[in-house]
């Protein structure tokens, strides 16, 4: 829900293995303090919002087997603290943004189909 944008002080958000469906709201980009975002194994549709690229403190992003589709937003290259990026088993398409290769802290990236 769009109300997720009100959780501005949250640092870790984990709703994996729940029956949450719908799209990831663009308001997720308002979670300025978030360090870990786990959206694994949900019933989502739509694309990964480019607003995730605004999460300057994000260290871990997990969106495994959640039904998202489309391209990986190039804005993800702004996630300078990102260490783990797991987007496997979704319906992603297109190319991997080149600027992901500039993420110096990135240790783990899994984009497996």
C-alpha atoms as a PDB file:
ATOM      1  CA  UNK A   1       0.000   0.000   0.000  1.00  0.00           C
ATOM      2  CA  UNK A   2       1.050   3.594  -0.562  1.00  0.00           C
ATOM      3  CA  UNK A   3       1.063   4.142   3.213  1.00  0.00           C
ATOM      4  CA  UNK A   4       4.446   2.422   3.284  1.00  0.00           C
ATOM      5  CA  UNK A   5       5.878   5.874   2.640  1.00  0.00           C
ATOM      6  CA  UNK A   6       4.942   6.858   6.200  1.00  0.00           C
ATOM      7  CA  UNK A   7       7.491   4.403   7.644  1.00  0.00           C
ATOM      8  CA  UNK A   8      10.354   6.870   7.258  1.00  0.00           C
ATOM      9  CA  UNK A   9      12.276   5.636  10.340  1.00  0.00           C
ATOM     10  CA  UNK A  10      12.215   1.955   9.461  1.00  0.00           C
ATOM     11  CA  UNK A  11      15.613   0.305   8.908  1.00  0.00           C
ATOM     12  CA  UNK A  12      14.620  -3.270   8.065  1.00  0.00           C
ATOM     13  CA  UNK A  13      11.475  -4.327   6.208  1.00  0.00           C
ATOM     14  CA  UNK A  14      10.771  -8.033   5.764  1.00  0.00           C
ATOM     15  CA  UNK A  15       7.480  -9.370   4.427  1.00  0.00           C
ATOM     16  CA  UNK A  16       8.786 -12.506   2.729  1.00  0.00           C
ATOM     17  CA  UNK A  17       6.534 -15.540   2.387  1.00  0.00           C
ATOM     18  CA  UNK A  18       3.374 -13.501   2.954  1.00  0.00           C
ATOM     19  CA  UNK A  19       0.378 -13.271   0.653  1.00  0.00           C
ATOM     20  CA  UNK A  20       1.021  -9.627  -0.199  1.00  0.00           C
ATOM     21  CA  UNK A  21       0.002  -8.916  -3.773  1.00  0.00           C
ATOM     22  CA  UNK A  22      -0.219  -5.970  -6.137  1.00  0.00           C
ATOM     23  CA  UNK A  23       2.616  -3.691  -7.161  1.00  0.00           C
ATOM     24  CA  UNK A  24       5.517  -2.251  -5.208  1.00  0.00           C
ATOM     25  CA  UNK A  25       4.386   1.315  -4.493  1.00  0.00           C
ATOM     26  CA  UNK A  26       6.620   4.154  -5.648  1.00  0.00           C
ATOM     27  CA  UNK A  27       6.357   5.556  -2.104  1.00  0.00           C
ATOM     28  CA  UNK A  28       8.894   2.914  -1.114  1.00  0.00           C
ATOM     29  CA  UNK A  29      11.455   5.478  -2.237  1.00  0.00           C
ATOM     30  CA  UNK A  30      10.572   7.565   0.841  1.00  0.00           C
ATOM     31  CA  UNK A  31      12.086   5.037   3.280  1.00  0.00           C
ATOM     32  CA  UNK A  32      15.266   7.058   3.634  1.00  0.00           C
ATOM     33  CA  UNK A  33      16.716   5.110   6.592  1.00  0.00           C
ATOM     34  CA  UNK A  34      16.074   1.606   5.290  1.00  0.00           C
ATOM     35  CA  UNK A  35      19.078  -0.719   5.152  1.00  0.00           C
ATOM     36  CA  UNK A  36      17.430  -4.066   4.350  1.00  0.00           C
ATOM     37  CA  UNK A  37      14.411  -4.645   2.134  1.00  0.00           C
ATOM     38  CA  UNK A  38      13.127  -8.223   1.778  1.00  0.00           C
ATOM     39  CA  UNK A  39      10.256  -8.760  -0.635  1.00  0.00           C
ATOM     40  CA  UNK A  40      10.937 -12.445  -1.378  1.00  0.00           C
ATOM     41  CA  UNK A  41       8.221 -14.919  -2.383  1.00  0.00           C
ATOM     42  CA  UNK A  42       5.290 -12.514  -2.694  1.00  0.00           C
ATOM     43  CA  UNK A  43       2.442 -12.344  -5.205  1.00  0.00           C
ATOM     44  CA  UNK A  44       3.486  -9.116  -6.894  1.00  0.00           C
ATOM     45  CA  UNK A  45       2.892  -7.777 -10.372  1.00  0.00           C
ATOM     46  CA  UNK A  46       4.321  -4.835 -12.234  1.00  0.00           C
ATOM     47  CA  UNK A  47       7.866  -3.560 -12.339  1.00  0.00           C
ATOM     48  CA  UNK A  48      10.581  -2.675  -9.872  1.00  0.00           C
ATOM     49  CA  UNK A  49      10.038   1.020  -9.140  1.00  0.00           C
ATOM     50  CA  UNK A  50      12.959   3.279 -10.024  1.00  0.00           C
ATOM     51  CA  UNK A  51      12.331   5.056  -6.699  1.00  0.00           C
ATOM     52  CA  UNK A  52      14.170   2.206  -4.954  1.00  0.00           C
ATOM     53  CA  UNK A  53      17.281   3.890  -6.348  1.00  0.00           C
ATOM     54  CA  UNK A  54      16.697   6.753  -3.867  1.00  0.00           C
ATOM     55  CA  UNK A  55      17.324   4.503  -0.852  1.00  0.00           C
ATOM     56  CA  UNK A  56      20.811   5.775  -0.122  1.00  0.00           C
ATOM     57  CA  UNK A  57      21.272   3.608   2.996  1.00  0.00           C
ATOM     58  CA  UNK A  58      20.127   0.355   1.411  1.00  0.00           C
ATOM     59  CA  UNK A  59      22.601  -2.492   1.961  1.00  0.00           C
ATOM     60  CA  UNK A  60      20.507  -5.571   1.139  1.00  0.00           C
ATOM     61  CA  UNK A  61      17.729  -5.898  -1.452  1.00  0.00           C
ATOM     62  CA  UNK A  62      15.913  -9.215  -1.878  1.00  0.00           C
ATOM     63  CA  UNK A  63      13.092  -9.652  -4.413  1.00  0.00           C
ATOM     64  CA  UNK A  64      13.203 -13.381  -5.207  1.00  0.00           C
ATOM     65  CA  UNK A  65      10.321 -15.221  -6.873  1.00  0.00           C
ATOM     66  CA  UNK A  66       7.890 -12.369  -6.394  1.00  0.00           C
ATOM     67  CA  UNK A  67       6.412 -11.915  -9.869  1.00  0.00           C
ATOM     68  CA  UNK A  68       7.996  -8.587 -10.812  1.00  0.00           C
ATOM     69  CA  UNK A  69       8.729  -8.021 -14.477  1.00  0.00           C
ATOM     70  CA  UNK A  70      10.441  -5.617 -16.815  1.00  0.00           C
ATOM     71  CA  UNK A  71      13.864  -4.065 -16.670  1.00  0.00           C
ATOM     72  CA  UNK A  72      16.128  -3.430 -13.709  1.00  0.00           C
ATOM     73  CA  UNK A  73      15.959   0.347 -13.260  1.00  0.00           C
ATOM     74  CA  UNK A  74      19.229   2.137 -13.987  1.00  0.00           C
ATOM     75  CA  UNK A  75      18.577   4.129 -10.788  1.00  0.00           C
ATOM     76  CA  UNK A  76      19.674   1.035  -8.849  1.00  0.00           C
ATOM     77  CA  UNK A  77      23.186   2.174  -9.773  1.00  0.00           C
ATOM     78  CA  UNK A  78      22.737   4.993  -7.225  1.00  0.00           C
ATOM     79  CA  UNK A  79      22.646   2.503  -4.331  1.00  0.00           C
ATOM     80  CA  UNK A  80      26.235   3.131  -3.266  1.00  0.00           C
ATOM     81  CA  UNK A  81      25.982   1.139  -0.004  1.00  0.00           C
ATOM     82  CA  UNK A  82      24.380  -1.895  -1.640  1.00  0.00           C
ATOM     83  CA  UNK A  83      26.168  -5.160  -0.798  1.00  0.00           C
ATOM     84  CA  UNK A  84      23.531  -7.732  -1.794  1.00  0.00           C
ATOM     85  CA  UNK A  85      21.185  -7.598  -4.788  1.00  0.00           C
ATOM     86  CA  UNK A  86      19.004 -10.680  -5.267  1.00  0.00           C
ATOM     87  CA  UNK A  87      16.353 -10.412  -7.994  1.00  0.00           C
ATOM     88  CA  UNK A  88      16.244 -14.055  -9.077  1.00  0.00           C
ATOM     89  CA  UNK A  89      13.278 -16.072 -10.352  1.00  0.00           C
ATOM     90  CA  UNK A  90      11.226 -13.148 -11.609  1.00  0.00           C
ATOM     91  CA  UNK A  91      10.181 -12.096 -15.101  1.00  0.00           C
ATOM     92  CA  UNK A  92      12.938  -9.557 -15.666  1.00  0.00           C
ATOM     93  CA  UNK A  93      13.932  -8.561 -19.181  1.00  0.00           C
ATOM     94  CA  UNK A  94      16.309  -6.212 -20.938  1.00  0.00           C
ATOM     95  CA  UNK A  95      19.942  -5.616 -20.144  1.00  0.00           C
ATOM     96  CA  UNK A  96      21.694  -5.237 -16.827  1.00  0.00           C
ATOM     97  CA  UNK A  97      22.307  -1.531 -16.237  1.00  0.00           C
ATOM     98  CA  UNK A  98      25.991  -0.772 -16.758  1.00  0.00           C
ATOM     99  CA  UNK A  99      26.162   1.455 -13.700  1.00  0.00           C
ATOM    100  CA  UNK A 100      25.566  -1.570 -11.440  1.00  0.00           C
ATOM    101  CA  UNK A 101      29.175  -2.407 -12.224  1.00  0.00           C
ATOM    102  CA  UNK A 102      30.218   0.778 -10.435  1.00  0.00           C
ATOM    103  CA  UNK A 103      28.736  -0.272  -7.090  1.00  0.00           C
ATOM    104  CA  UNK A 104      31.956  -0.723  -5.127  1.00  0.00           C
ATOM    105  CA  UNK A 105      30.311  -2.383  -2.117  1.00  0.00           C
ATOM    106  CA  UNK A 106      28.288  -4.917  -4.116  1.00  0.00           C
ATOM    107  CA  UNK A 107      29.399  -8.411  -3.071  1.00  0.00           C
ATOM    108  CA  UNK A 108      26.474 -10.593  -4.165  1.00  0.00           C
ATOM    109  CA  UNK A 109      24.277 -10.177  -7.239  1.00  0.00           C
ATOM    110  CA  UNK A 110      21.872 -12.936  -8.258  1.00  0.00           C
ATOM    111  CA  UNK A 111      19.673 -12.362 -11.298  1.00  0.00           C
ATOM    112  CA  UNK A 112      19.035 -16.026 -12.086  1.00  0.00           C
ATOM    113  CA  UNK A 113      15.937 -16.683 -14.124  1.00  0.00           C
END
